[in-house]
Amino acid sequence: MKEEEYFDEAKLLEEMKQDNIAAFNQLYNKYAPILYQRLLRLLKNPESVEEILQDVFLKIWNKREEIKPEKGFKTFIYRMADHMAIDLFRKIGRDKAMQLELWAASVSFYLHTEEQVFDKEKAGIIQEAIRSLPPKRREILIQCKLEDKSYKEVAEMMGISVSTVSNQLVSAMKDIREYIVKNYREDYLISLIFIAILSF
């Protein structure tokens, strides 16, 4: 039999509520790797992800008696991790370099994801922002993020330096961010960034 056939989540949750540490460990082994990849996709920082994972599972153990298996443990644990990630993002809100890195990750995720993952409004906002870029800057963004070309390949293709590609890509991310803040609300930045988590 496959490993999944031995995994009785409802039973493990009930056992964990009875202080069974072995049941807790099985749940951890099942969900920690999934959550790790889910959070790393957004945060791009293994240390931050590890910290959130520890907090999530510590909270689950401490609140084990309140867990209701019939309400869906997967949804429960994902929501908890997402909220902790959002709290972390708010804490680093003054770190512009980190904000830009997270924003770049979300734009890259959008460019590599089926459009139906996003609601039409948010997809349209990102498309609109990308279309607002100067042609050369937009082309560099598409080649690097959508076509997955290296900076060197794009530089050779466009007859420019690697540093110019890098600088233009950074500027593209800043332009997209500023376009959304100017034309919509800053709240959209967090919303759009966290699609990268919630859709994974």
Protein backbone atom coordinates (compact mmCIF):
# COMPACT_ATOMS: atom_id res chain seq x y z
CA MET A 1 0.00 0.00 0.00
CA LYS A 2 1.05 3.60 -0.56
CA GLU A 3 2.04 5.74 2.40
CA GLU A 4 -1.06 7.94 1.98
CA GLU A 5 -3.32 4.98 2.71
CA TYR A 6 -1.93 4.78 6.24
CA PHE A 7 -2.57 8.48 6.91
CA ASP A 8 -5.84 8.82 8.83
CA GLU A 9 -5.90 12.55 9.49
CA ALA A 10 -9.07 12.62 11.58
CA LYS A 11 -7.75 9.85 13.82
CA LEU A 12 -4.38 11.56 14.22
CA LEU A 13 -6.05 14.84 15.15
CA GLU A 14 -8.15 13.13 17.79
CA GLU A 15 -5.06 11.39 19.16
CA MET A 16 -3.12 14.66 19.19
CA LYS A 17 -5.93 16.24 21.21
CA GLN A 18 -5.27 13.49 23.75
CA ASP A 19 -1.63 14.67 24.04
CA ASN A 20 -0.26 12.00 21.68
CA ILE A 21 3.08 13.44 20.50
CA ALA A 22 3.53 10.66 17.92
CA ALA A 23 0.29 11.72 16.22
CA PHE A 24 1.50 15.33 16.22
CA ASN A 25 4.78 14.24 14.62
CA GLN A 26 2.94 12.43 11.83
CA LEU A 27 0.89 15.54 11.09
CA TYR A 28 4.06 17.63 11.14
CA ASN A 29 5.82 15.27 8.72
CA LYS A 30 2.81 15.42 6.40
CA TYR A 31 2.29 19.18 6.30
CA ALA A 32 5.62 20.84 7.13
CA PRO A 33 7.21 20.16 3.70
CA ILE A 34 4.10 21.43 1.90
CA LEU A 35 3.94 24.58 4.00
CA TYR A 36 7.66 25.15 3.62
CA GLN A 37 7.45 25.23 -0.18
CA ARG A 38 4.26 27.30 -0.06
CA LEU A 39 5.91 29.97 2.10
CA LEU A 40 9.31 29.86 0.43
CA ARG A 41 7.67 30.59 -2.91
CA LEU A 42 6.71 33.97 -1.53
CA LEU A 43 9.19 34.91 1.16
CA LYS A 44 12.35 33.66 -0.62
CA ASN A 45 13.96 33.51 2.80
CA PRO A 46 14.53 30.05 4.35
CA GLU A 47 15.19 31.50 7.81
CA SER A 48 11.88 33.37 7.84
CA VAL A 49 10.06 30.29 6.57
CA GLU A 50 11.60 28.09 9.26
CA GLU A 51 10.60 30.60 11.92
CA ILE A 52 6.99 30.69 10.71
CA LEU A 53 6.84 26.88 10.53
CA GLN A 54 8.02 26.58 14.12
CA ASP A 55 5.44 29.13 15.25
CA VAL A 56 2.63 27.43 13.30
CA PHE A 57 3.23 23.97 14.73
CA LEU A 58 3.89 25.28 18.24
CA LYS A 59 0.55 27.07 18.07
CA ILE A 60 -1.16 23.93 16.77
CA TRP A 61 0.21 21.89 19.66
CA ASN A 62 -0.74 24.52 22.22
CA LYS A 63 -4.26 24.82 20.80
CA ARG A 64 -4.72 21.13 19.96
CA GLU A 65 -7.84 20.79 22.12
CA GLU A 66 -9.60 23.49 20.06
CA ILE A 67 -9.03 21.84 16.67
CA LYS A 68 -12.16 20.48 14.98
CA PRO A 69 -11.18 17.71 12.51
CA GLU A 70 -14.50 17.96 10.66
CA LYS A 71 -13.78 21.57 9.65
CA GLY A 72 -10.71 20.74 7.54
CA PHE A 73 -7.26 20.71 9.06
CA LYS A 74 -5.49 21.56 5.80
CA THR A 75 -7.46 24.77 5.37
CA PHE A 76 -6.91 25.60 9.04
CA ILE A 77 -3.14 25.18 8.92
CA TYR A 78 -2.78 27.02 5.60
CA ARG A 79 -4.77 29.97 6.91
CA MET A 80 -2.67 30.12 10.04
CA ALA A 81 0.59 30.07 8.06
CA ASP A 82 -0.72 32.70 5.62
CA HIS A 83 -1.68 35.05 8.46
CA MET A 84 1.75 34.67 10.05
CA ALA A 85 3.41 35.41 6.72
CA ILE A 86 1.24 38.52 6.31
CA ASP A 87 2.22 39.64 9.81
CA LEU A 88 5.89 39.18 8.89
CA PHE A 89 5.43 41.18 5.73
CA ARG A 90 3.87 44.02 7.69
CA LYS A 91 6.77 43.97 10.16
CA ILE A 92 9.28 44.43 7.36
CA GLY A 93 7.11 47.04 5.69
CA ARG A 94 9.79 49.69 6.16
CA ASP A 95 12.42 47.53 4.45
CA LYS A 96 12.06 48.73 0.87
CA ALA A 97 14.60 46.24 -0.50
CA MET A 98 12.70 43.31 1.02
CA GLN A 99 9.38 44.73 -0.19
CA LEU A 100 10.75 44.96 -3.71
CA GLU A 101 12.05 41.39 -3.54
CA LEU A 102 8.65 40.08 -2.44
CA TRP A 103 6.89 42.16 -5.06
CA ALA A 104 9.24 40.84 -7.76
CA ALA A 105 8.44 37.30 -6.63
CA SER A 106 4.72 37.90 -6.99
CA VAL A 107 5.05 39.45 -10.47
CA SER A 108 7.22 36.54 -11.54
CA PHE A 109 4.61 34.14 -10.14
CA TYR A 110 1.90 35.92 -12.12
CA LEU A 111 3.86 35.67 -15.35
CA HIS A 112 4.31 31.91 -14.87
CA THR A 113 0.78 31.10 -13.73
CA GLU A 114 -2.45 30.38 -15.55
CA GLU A 115 -4.44 33.60 -15.58
CA GLN A 116 -7.55 31.96 -14.13
CA VAL A 117 -5.71 31.57 -10.80
CA PHE A 118 -6.18 35.30 -10.31
CA ASP A 119 -9.53 37.01 -10.19
CA LYS A 120 -10.13 39.14 -13.27
CA GLU A 121 -9.70 42.41 -11.44
CA LYS A 122 -6.25 41.63 -10.05
CA ALA A 123 -5.06 40.02 -13.29
CA GLY A 124 -6.16 43.12 -15.18
CA ILE A 125 -4.32 45.42 -12.78
CA ILE A 126 -1.03 43.59 -13.25
CA GLN A 127 -1.45 43.47 -17.04
CA GLU A 128 -2.26 47.18 -17.07
CA ALA A 129 0.82 47.98 -14.98
CA ILE A 130 3.10 45.90 -17.22
CA ARG A 131 1.68 47.56 -20.36
CA SER A 132 2.48 50.97 -18.83
CA LEU A 133 6.21 50.21 -18.83
CA PRO A 134 8.47 51.74 -21.48
CA PRO A 135 8.84 49.25 -24.38
CA LYS A 136 12.48 48.36 -23.69
CA ARG A 137 11.86 47.88 -19.97
CA ARG A 138 8.75 45.79 -20.64
CA GLU A 139 10.66 43.58 -23.07
CA ILE A 140 13.42 42.95 -20.53
CA LEU A 141 10.82 42.01 -17.90
CA ILE A 142 9.11 39.58 -20.26
CA GLN A 143 12.36 38.00 -21.46
CA CYS A 144 13.79 37.55 -17.94
CA LYS A 145 10.63 36.63 -16.05
CA LEU A 146 8.40 34.98 -18.64
CA GLU A 147 10.91 33.47 -21.04
CA ASP A 148 13.35 32.62 -18.21
CA LYS A 149 16.33 33.94 -20.14
CA SER A 150 19.48 34.83 -18.25
CA TYR A 151 20.62 38.43 -17.94
CA LYS A 152 23.51 37.59 -20.27
CA GLU A 153 21.20 36.13 -22.93
CA VAL A 154 18.93 39.17 -22.83
CA ALA A 155 21.90 41.54 -22.93
CA GLU A 156 23.30 39.84 -26.04
CA MET A 157 19.89 39.69 -27.71
CA MET A 158 19.18 43.39 -27.12
CA GLY A 159 22.74 44.67 -27.58
CA ILE A 160 23.07 46.08 -24.08
CA SER A 161 25.16 45.34 -21.00
CA VAL A 162 24.26 42.82 -18.30
CA SER A 163 24.20 45.61 -15.72
CA THR A 164 21.70 47.51 -17.87
CA VAL A 165 19.44 44.44 -17.95
CA SER A 166 19.65 44.16 -14.17
CA ASN A 167 18.99 47.85 -13.61
CA GLN A 168 16.07 47.89 -16.04
CA LEU A 169 14.51 44.85 -14.38
CA VAL A 170 14.72 46.48 -10.95
CA SER A 171 13.23 49.66 -12.41
CA ALA A 172 10.41 47.65 -14.01
CA MET A 173 9.44 46.19 -10.64
CA LYS A 174 9.52 49.64 -9.02
CA ASP A 175 7.45 51.11 -11.86
CA ILE A 176 4.80 48.39 -11.55
CA ARG A 177 4.60 48.88 -7.81
CA GLU A 178 4.34 52.67 -8.12
CA TYR A 179 1.72 52.38 -10.87
CA ILE A 180 -0.52 50.25 -8.64
CA VAL A 181 -0.07 52.47 -5.58
CA LYS A 182 -0.78 55.59 -7.64
CA ASN A 183 -3.80 54.28 -9.51
CA TYR A 184 -5.32 51.97 -6.92
CA ARG A 185 -4.47 51.42 -3.26
CA GLU A 186 -1.38 50.22 -1.46
CA ASP A 187 -3.57 47.44 -0.04
CA TYR A 188 -3.48 45.88 -3.50
CA LEU A 189 0.25 45.23 -3.10
CA ILE A 190 -0.24 42.88 -0.17
CA SER A 191 -3.24 41.31 -1.86
CA LEU A 192 -1.41 40.67 -5.12
CA ILE A 193 1.77 39.47 -3.44
CA PHE A 194 -0.08 36.97 -1.30
CA ILE A 195 -1.79 35.43 -4.30
CA ALA A 196 1.59 33.73 -4.68
CA ILE A 197 0.92 31.91 -1.43
CA LEU A 198 -2.81 31.43 -1.56
CA SER A 199 -2.78 29.98 -5.09
CA PHE A 200 0.06 27.51 -4.53
